[in-house]
């Protein structure tokens, strides 16, 4: 009975994702089968922040960061509303090599859960304006970097990001199909930093 219930919940979740329209930037999970989703996607999320900080005033040391990371679920992606959840593709660029990262990799799941929890809980810093294309090219060439590709829906109030580039400085969120500044920039790009400051998240999560 429990398995039947879980299967029904996943079916309803997938249906809701397919039926959402403008104003919702949930990840389109059509890339995955119901069985795959059941293994990697939690239908709930952590409503409270893993840690509450005063903006820009607290710099965490390595031990404190490790303690926070230990709280983050790494077995399933949490389903935070209106945030990208499961990427359709993840690629790590490091030491001149390219590595395909399995979507079920606990490191990846933990990294995204921490990022989404920080954004959902407003425990993050962000660029006040759109990054220019020189900045984007700089982040696209940095190593190590982790490039996450998403299937996405439109959103009424902000660009829906189809790509997130994670470096040891920023989470660089890119909407390639959305021009910025009346077409001056061909893409819309914002930078975000969980827990307000720049931490080496790729290193901390073992990438």
C-alpha atoms as a PDB file:
ATOM      1  CA  UNK A   1       0.000   0.000   0.000  1.00  0.00           C
ATOM      2  CA  UNK A   2       2.814   2.404   0.870  1.00  0.00           C
ATOM      3  CA  UNK A   3       4.493   1.820  -2.504  1.00  0.00           C
ATOM      4  CA  UNK A   4       1.200   2.461  -4.293  1.00  0.00           C
ATOM      5  CA  UNK A   5       0.764   5.722  -2.365  1.00  0.00           C
ATOM      6  CA  UNK A   6       4.309   6.862  -3.183  1.00  0.00           C
ATOM      7  CA  UNK A   7       3.758   6.030  -6.840  1.00  0.00           C
ATOM      8  CA  UNK A   8       0.530   8.062  -6.855  1.00  0.00           C
ATOM      9  CA  UNK A   9       2.269  11.048  -5.271  1.00  0.00           C
ATOM     10  CA  UNK A  10       4.978  10.987  -7.927  1.00  0.00           C
ATOM     11  CA  UNK A  11       2.370  10.762 -10.699  1.00  0.00           C
ATOM     12  CA  UNK A  12       0.530  13.782  -9.259  1.00  0.00           C
ATOM     13  CA  UNK A  13       3.789  15.683  -8.951  1.00  0.00           C
ATOM     14  CA  UNK A  14       4.730  14.997 -12.558  1.00  0.00           C
ATOM     15  CA  UNK A  15       1.235  15.997 -13.711  1.00  0.00           C
ATOM     16  CA  UNK A  16       1.432  19.276 -11.795  1.00  0.00           C
ATOM     17  CA  UNK A  17       4.803  20.061 -13.345  1.00  0.00           C
ATOM     18  CA  UNK A  18       3.510  19.393 -16.842  1.00  0.00           C
ATOM     19  CA  UNK A  19       0.358  21.433 -16.332  1.00  0.00           C
ATOM     20  CA  UNK A  20       1.912  24.559 -14.783  1.00  0.00           C
ATOM     21  CA  UNK A  21       1.919  27.669 -16.928  1.00  0.00           C
ATOM     22  CA  UNK A  22       3.414  31.157 -16.824  1.00  0.00           C
ATOM     23  CA  UNK A  23       4.349  32.319 -13.377  1.00  0.00           C
ATOM     24  CA  UNK A  24       5.903  29.003 -12.370  1.00  0.00           C
ATOM     25  CA  UNK A  25       9.522  28.125 -13.067  1.00  0.00           C
ATOM     26  CA  UNK A  26       9.460  24.537 -11.808  1.00  0.00           C
ATOM     27  CA  UNK A  27      11.855  22.166 -13.503  1.00  0.00           C
ATOM     28  CA  UNK A  28      10.216  20.268 -16.336  1.00  0.00           C
ATOM     29  CA  UNK A  29      11.017  16.727 -15.309  1.00  0.00           C
ATOM     30  CA  UNK A  30       9.974  15.099 -18.554  1.00  0.00           C
ATOM     31  CA  UNK A  31      13.547  13.882 -18.946  1.00  0.00           C
ATOM     32  CA  UNK A  32      12.959  11.295 -16.229  1.00  0.00           C
ATOM     33  CA  UNK A  33      10.652   8.337 -15.892  1.00  0.00           C
ATOM     34  CA  UNK A  34       8.329   8.003 -12.904  1.00  0.00           C
ATOM     35  CA  UNK A  35      10.528   5.235 -11.534  1.00  0.00           C
ATOM     36  CA  UNK A  36      13.627   7.425 -11.801  1.00  0.00           C
ATOM     37  CA  UNK A  37      11.869  10.325 -10.083  1.00  0.00           C
ATOM     38  CA  UNK A  38      10.717   8.085  -7.269  1.00  0.00           C
ATOM     39  CA  UNK A  39      14.349   7.264  -6.544  1.00  0.00           C
ATOM     40  CA  UNK A  40      15.793  10.790  -6.589  1.00  0.00           C
ATOM     41  CA  UNK A  41      12.981  13.267  -5.822  1.00  0.00           C
ATOM     42  CA  UNK A  42      11.430  14.042  -2.446  1.00  0.00           C
ATOM     43  CA  UNK A  43       7.920  15.502  -2.647  1.00  0.00           C
ATOM     44  CA  UNK A  44       8.621  17.774   0.350  1.00  0.00           C
ATOM     45  CA  UNK A  45      11.362  20.223   1.348  1.00  0.00           C
ATOM     46  CA  UNK A  46      12.987  21.772   4.416  1.00  0.00           C
ATOM     47  CA  UNK A  47      10.902  24.896   5.165  1.00  0.00           C
ATOM     48  CA  UNK A  48      13.454  26.281   7.634  1.00  0.00           C
ATOM     49  CA  UNK A  49      17.000  27.356   6.715  1.00  0.00           C
ATOM     50  CA  UNK A  50      19.811  24.982   7.582  1.00  0.00           C
ATOM     51  CA  UNK A  51      21.414  27.981   9.282  1.00  0.00           C
ATOM     52  CA  UNK A  52      20.254  31.562   9.907  1.00  0.00           C
ATOM     53  CA  UNK A  53      22.898  34.252   9.529  1.00  0.00           C
ATOM     54  CA  UNK A  54      23.104  38.020   9.698  1.00  0.00           C
ATOM     55  CA  UNK A  55      23.701  39.167   6.129  1.00  0.00           C
ATOM     56  CA  UNK A  56      27.370  39.796   5.397  1.00  0.00           C
ATOM     57  CA  UNK A  57      28.367  39.817   9.058  1.00  0.00           C
ATOM     58  CA  UNK A  58      29.233  36.183   9.736  1.00  0.00           C
ATOM     59  CA  UNK A  59      32.011  34.348   7.926  1.00  0.00           C
ATOM     60  CA  UNK A  60      31.843  30.633   8.604  1.00  0.00           C
ATOM     61  CA  UNK A  61      34.951  28.546   9.156  1.00  0.00           C
ATOM     62  CA  UNK A  62      35.535  25.128   7.607  1.00  0.00           C
ATOM     63  CA  UNK A  63      34.232  23.233  10.622  1.00  0.00           C
ATOM     64  CA  UNK A  64      31.027  25.288  10.728  1.00  0.00           C
ATOM     65  CA  UNK A  65      30.507  24.766   7.006  1.00  0.00           C
ATOM     66  CA  UNK A  66      31.039  21.017   7.408  1.00  0.00           C
ATOM     67  CA  UNK A  67      28.433  20.924  10.178  1.00  0.00           C
ATOM     68  CA  UNK A  68      25.914  22.720   7.956  1.00  0.00           C
ATOM     69  CA  UNK A  69      26.641  20.391   5.037  1.00  0.00           C
ATOM     70  CA  UNK A  70      26.055  17.401   7.306  1.00  0.00           C
ATOM     71  CA  UNK A  71      22.451  18.614   7.767  1.00  0.00           C
ATOM     72  CA  UNK A  72      21.717  18.695   4.049  1.00  0.00           C
ATOM     73  CA  UNK A  73      19.853  15.688   2.542  1.00  0.00           C
ATOM     74  CA  UNK A  74      22.004  13.982  -0.068  1.00  0.00           C
ATOM     75  CA  UNK A  75      19.828  11.020  -1.027  1.00  0.00           C
ATOM     76  CA  UNK A  76      16.970  12.892  -2.751  1.00  0.00           C
ATOM     77  CA  UNK A  77      16.367  16.326  -4.248  1.00  0.00           C
ATOM     78  CA  UNK A  78      13.990  18.386  -2.133  1.00  0.00           C
ATOM     79  CA  UNK A  79      11.067  19.888  -4.025  1.00  0.00           C
ATOM     80  CA  UNK A  80      11.403  23.616  -3.324  1.00  0.00           C
ATOM     81  CA  UNK A  81       8.599  25.608  -4.986  1.00  0.00           C
ATOM     82  CA  UNK A  82       9.465  27.796  -7.986  1.00  0.00           C
ATOM     83  CA  UNK A  83      13.104  26.720  -8.036  1.00  0.00           C
ATOM     84  CA  UNK A  84      14.993  24.476 -10.434  1.00  0.00           C
ATOM     85  CA  UNK A  85      15.302  21.047  -8.879  1.00  0.00           C
ATOM     86  CA  UNK A  86      16.676  18.077 -10.831  1.00  0.00           C
ATOM     87  CA  UNK A  87      19.047  19.043 -13.670  1.00  0.00           C
ATOM     88  CA  UNK A  88      18.772  17.137 -16.914  1.00  0.00           C
ATOM     89  CA  UNK A  89      22.565  17.211 -17.262  1.00  0.00           C
ATOM     90  CA  UNK A  90      25.538  17.947 -14.993  1.00  0.00           C
ATOM     91  CA  UNK A  91      29.110  18.342 -16.244  1.00  0.00           C
ATOM     92  CA  UNK A  92      32.223  19.012 -14.159  1.00  0.00           C
ATOM     93  CA  UNK A  93      35.199  20.775 -15.741  1.00  0.00           C
ATOM     94  CA  UNK A  94      38.369  20.276 -13.713  1.00  0.00           C
ATOM     95  CA  UNK A  95      42.109  20.096 -14.420  1.00  0.00           C
ATOM     96  CA  UNK A  96      41.503  20.406 -18.133  1.00  0.00           C
ATOM     97  CA  UNK A  97      39.150  17.422 -18.211  1.00  0.00           C
ATOM     98  CA  UNK A  98      35.387  17.027 -18.592  1.00  0.00           C
ATOM     99  CA  UNK A  99      33.412  14.684 -16.353  1.00  0.00           C
ATOM    100  CA  UNK A 100      29.739  13.734 -16.669  1.00  0.00           C
ATOM    101  CA  UNK A 101      28.184  13.710 -13.187  1.00  0.00           C
ATOM    102  CA  UNK A 102      25.407  11.228 -12.471  1.00  0.00           C
ATOM    103  CA  UNK A 103      22.185  13.018 -11.538  1.00  0.00           C
ATOM    104  CA  UNK A 104      21.857  10.726  -8.507  1.00  0.00           C
ATOM    105  CA  UNK A 105      25.346  11.597  -7.213  1.00  0.00           C
ATOM    106  CA  UNK A 106      24.964  12.488  -3.490  1.00  0.00           C
ATOM    107  CA  UNK A 107      27.423  15.363  -3.906  1.00  0.00           C
ATOM    108  CA  UNK A 108      25.255  16.937  -6.589  1.00  0.00           C
ATOM    109  CA  UNK A 109      22.009  16.370  -4.690  1.00  0.00           C
ATOM    110  CA  UNK A 110      23.484  17.898  -1.527  1.00  0.00           C
ATOM    111  CA  UNK A 111      24.893  20.910  -3.366  1.00  0.00           C
ATOM    112  CA  UNK A 112      21.575  21.708  -5.056  1.00  0.00           C
ATOM    113  CA  UNK A 113      19.583  21.150  -1.863  1.00  0.00           C
ATOM    114  CA  UNK A 114      21.807  23.564   0.046  1.00  0.00           C
ATOM    115  CA  UNK A 115      21.595  26.147  -2.736  1.00  0.00           C
ATOM    116  CA  UNK A 116      17.809  25.891  -3.008  1.00  0.00           C
ATOM    117  CA  UNK A 117      17.373  26.022   0.757  1.00  0.00           C
ATOM    118  CA  UNK A 118      19.502  29.182   0.920  1.00  0.00           C
ATOM    119  CA  UNK A 119      17.551  30.865  -1.885  1.00  0.00           C
ATOM    120  CA  UNK A 120      14.145  29.780  -0.575  1.00  0.00           C
ATOM    121  CA  UNK A 121      15.052  30.971   2.951  1.00  0.00           C
ATOM    122  CA  UNK A 122      16.569  34.246   1.655  1.00  0.00           C
ATOM    123  CA  UNK A 123      19.927  33.302   3.135  1.00  0.00           C
ATOM    124  CA  UNK A 124      21.939  34.339   0.109  1.00  0.00           C
ATOM    125  CA  UNK A 125      23.502  37.327  -1.650  1.00  0.00           C
ATOM    126  CA  UNK A 126      22.936  38.199  -5.276  1.00  0.00           C
ATOM    127  CA  UNK A 127      24.082  40.650  -7.914  1.00  0.00           C
ATOM    128  CA  UNK A 128      22.006  43.819  -8.001  1.00  0.00           C
ATOM    129  CA  UNK A 129      21.920  43.840 -11.776  1.00  0.00           C
ATOM    130  CA  UNK A 130      22.441  41.554 -14.731  1.00  0.00           C
ATOM    131  CA  UNK A 131      26.020  40.381 -15.289  1.00  0.00           C
ATOM    132  CA  UNK A 132      27.537  41.406 -18.602  1.00  0.00           C
ATOM    133  CA  UNK A 133      28.640  38.956 -21.257  1.00  0.00           C
ATOM    134  CA  UNK A 134      32.341  39.325 -20.387  1.00  0.00           C
ATOM    135  CA  UNK A 135      31.535  38.127 -16.869  1.00  0.00           C
ATOM    136  CA  UNK A 136      29.593  35.192 -18.300  1.00  0.00           C
ATOM    137  CA  UNK A 137      32.487  34.169 -20.544  1.00  0.00           C
ATOM    138  CA  UNK A 138      34.835  34.415 -17.575  1.00  0.00           C
ATOM    139  CA  UNK A 139      32.727  32.055 -15.480  1.00  0.00           C
ATOM    140  CA  UNK A 140      32.282  29.697 -18.439  1.00  0.00           C
ATOM    141  CA  UNK A 141      36.064  29.323 -18.638  1.00  0.00           C
ATOM    142  CA  UNK A 142      36.823  28.888 -14.928  1.00  0.00           C
ATOM    143  CA  UNK A 143      37.976  25.589 -13.469  1.00  0.00           C
ATOM    144  CA  UNK A 144      36.784  23.851 -11.514  1.00  0.00           C
ATOM    145  CA  UNK A 145      33.223  24.580 -12.585  1.00  0.00           C
ATOM    146  CA  UNK A 146      30.052  22.545 -12.602  1.00  0.00           C
ATOM    147  CA  UNK A 147      27.534  23.262 -15.363  1.00  0.00           C
ATOM    148  CA  UNK A 148      23.933  22.277 -14.668  1.00  0.00           C
ATOM    149  CA  UNK A 149      21.416  22.228 -17.528  1.00  0.00           C
ATOM    150  CA  UNK A 150      17.670  22.415 -16.868  1.00  0.00           C
ATOM    151  CA  UNK A 151      14.446  22.035 -18.822  1.00  0.00           C
ATOM    152  CA  UNK A 152      12.383  24.979 -17.596  1.00  0.00           C
ATOM    153  CA  UNK A 153       9.053  26.782 -17.736  1.00  0.00           C
ATOM    154  CA  UNK A 154       8.438  30.481 -18.301  1.00  0.00           C
ATOM    155  CA  UNK A 155       8.138  32.852 -15.353  1.00  0.00           C
ATOM    156  CA  UNK A 156       6.276  36.168 -15.247  1.00  0.00           C
ATOM    157  CA  UNK A 157       8.521  38.099 -12.864  1.00  0.00           C
ATOM    158  CA  UNK A 158      12.055  36.969 -13.646  1.00  0.00           C
ATOM    159  CA  UNK A 159      14.071  35.044 -16.175  1.00  0.00           C
ATOM    160  CA  UNK A 160      13.813  31.300 -15.827  1.00  0.00           C
ATOM    161  CA  UNK A 161      17.312  29.896 -15.743  1.00  0.00           C
ATOM    162  CA  UNK A 162      18.123  27.065 -18.142  1.00  0.00           C
ATOM    163  CA  UNK A 163      21.723  26.816 -16.921  1.00  0.00           C
ATOM    164  CA  UNK A 164      23.464  27.253 -13.575  1.00  0.00           C
ATOM    165  CA  UNK A 165      27.266  27.440 -13.569  1.00  0.00           C
ATOM    166  CA  UNK A 166      28.732  26.653 -10.155  1.00  0.00           C
ATOM    167  CA  UNK A 167      32.269  27.847  -9.446  1.00  0.00           C
ATOM    168  CA  UNK A 168      34.184  28.205  -6.221  1.00  0.00           C
ATOM    169  CA  UNK A 169      32.865  31.769  -6.067  1.00  0.00           C
ATOM    170  CA  UNK A 170      29.320  31.954  -7.432  1.00  0.00           C
ATOM    171  CA  UNK A 171      26.249  30.192  -8.656  1.00  0.00           C
ATOM    172  CA  UNK A 172      25.874  31.892 -12.048  1.00  0.00           C
ATOM    173  CA  UNK A 173      22.273  31.588 -13.277  1.00  0.00           C
ATOM    174  CA  UNK A 174      21.777  31.945 -17.031  1.00  0.00           C
ATOM    175  CA  UNK A 175      18.694  32.308 -19.199  1.00  0.00           C
ATOM    176  CA  UNK A 176      20.055  32.019 -22.735  1.00  0.00           C
ATOM    177  CA  UNK A 177      16.706  32.774 -24.418  1.00  0.00           C
ATOM    178  CA  UNK A 178      15.953  35.949 -22.439  1.00  0.00           C
ATOM    179  CA  UNK A 179      17.688  39.160 -23.590  1.00  0.00           C
ATOM    180  CA  UNK A 180      18.474  41.800 -20.958  1.00  0.00           C
ATOM    181  CA  UNK A 181      18.475  45.598 -20.989  1.00  0.00           C
ATOM    182  CA  UNK A 182      16.210  45.906 -24.040  1.00  0.00           C
ATOM    183  CA  UNK A 183      18.345  43.536 -26.064  1.00  0.00           C
ATOM    184  CA  UNK A 184      21.721  45.054 -25.147  1.00  0.00           C
ATOM    185  CA  UNK A 185      22.711  41.657 -23.725  1.00  0.00           C
ATOM    186  CA  UNK A 186      21.587  38.507 -25.570  1.00  0.00           C
ATOM    187  CA  UNK A 187      21.254  36.559 -22.304  1.00  0.00           C
ATOM    188  CA  UNK A 188      20.070  37.276 -18.767  1.00  0.00           C
ATOM    189  CA  UNK A 189      22.650  36.339 -16.135  1.00  0.00           C
ATOM    190  CA  UNK A 190      22.601  36.758 -12.346  1.00  0.00           C
ATOM    191  CA  UNK A 191      25.109  35.718  -9.690  1.00  0.00           C
ATOM    192  CA  UNK A 192      24.094  34.212  -6.349  1.00  0.00           C
ATOM    193  CA  UNK A 193      26.105  33.177  -3.292  1.00  0.00           C
ATOM    194  CA  UNK A 194      24.502  30.880  -0.676  1.00  0.00           C
ATOM    195  CA  UNK A 195      24.932  32.007   2.945  1.00  0.00           C
ATOM    196  CA  UNK A 196      25.852  35.504   1.712  1.00  0.00           C
ATOM    197  CA  UNK A 197      29.603  35.018   1.206  1.00  0.00           C
ATOM    198  CA  UNK A 198      31.860  33.257  -1.274  1.00  0.00           C
ATOM    199  CA  UNK A 199      32.732  29.743  -0.139  1.00  0.00           C
ATOM    200  CA  UNK A 200      34.416  26.975  -2.118  1.00  0.00           C
ATOM    201  CA  UNK A 201      31.261  24.911  -2.473  1.00  0.00           C
ATOM    202  CA  UNK A 202      32.659  22.597  -5.137  1.00  0.00           C
ATOM    203  CA  UNK A 203      35.583  21.701  -2.900  1.00  0.00           C
ATOM    204  CA  UNK A 204      33.393  21.414   0.189  1.00  0.00           C
ATOM    205  CA  UNK A 205      31.061  18.952  -1.557  1.00  0.00           C
ATOM    206  CA  UNK A 206      33.948  16.901  -2.899  1.00  0.00           C
ATOM    207  CA  UNK A 207      33.991  17.848  -6.580  1.00  0.00           C
END
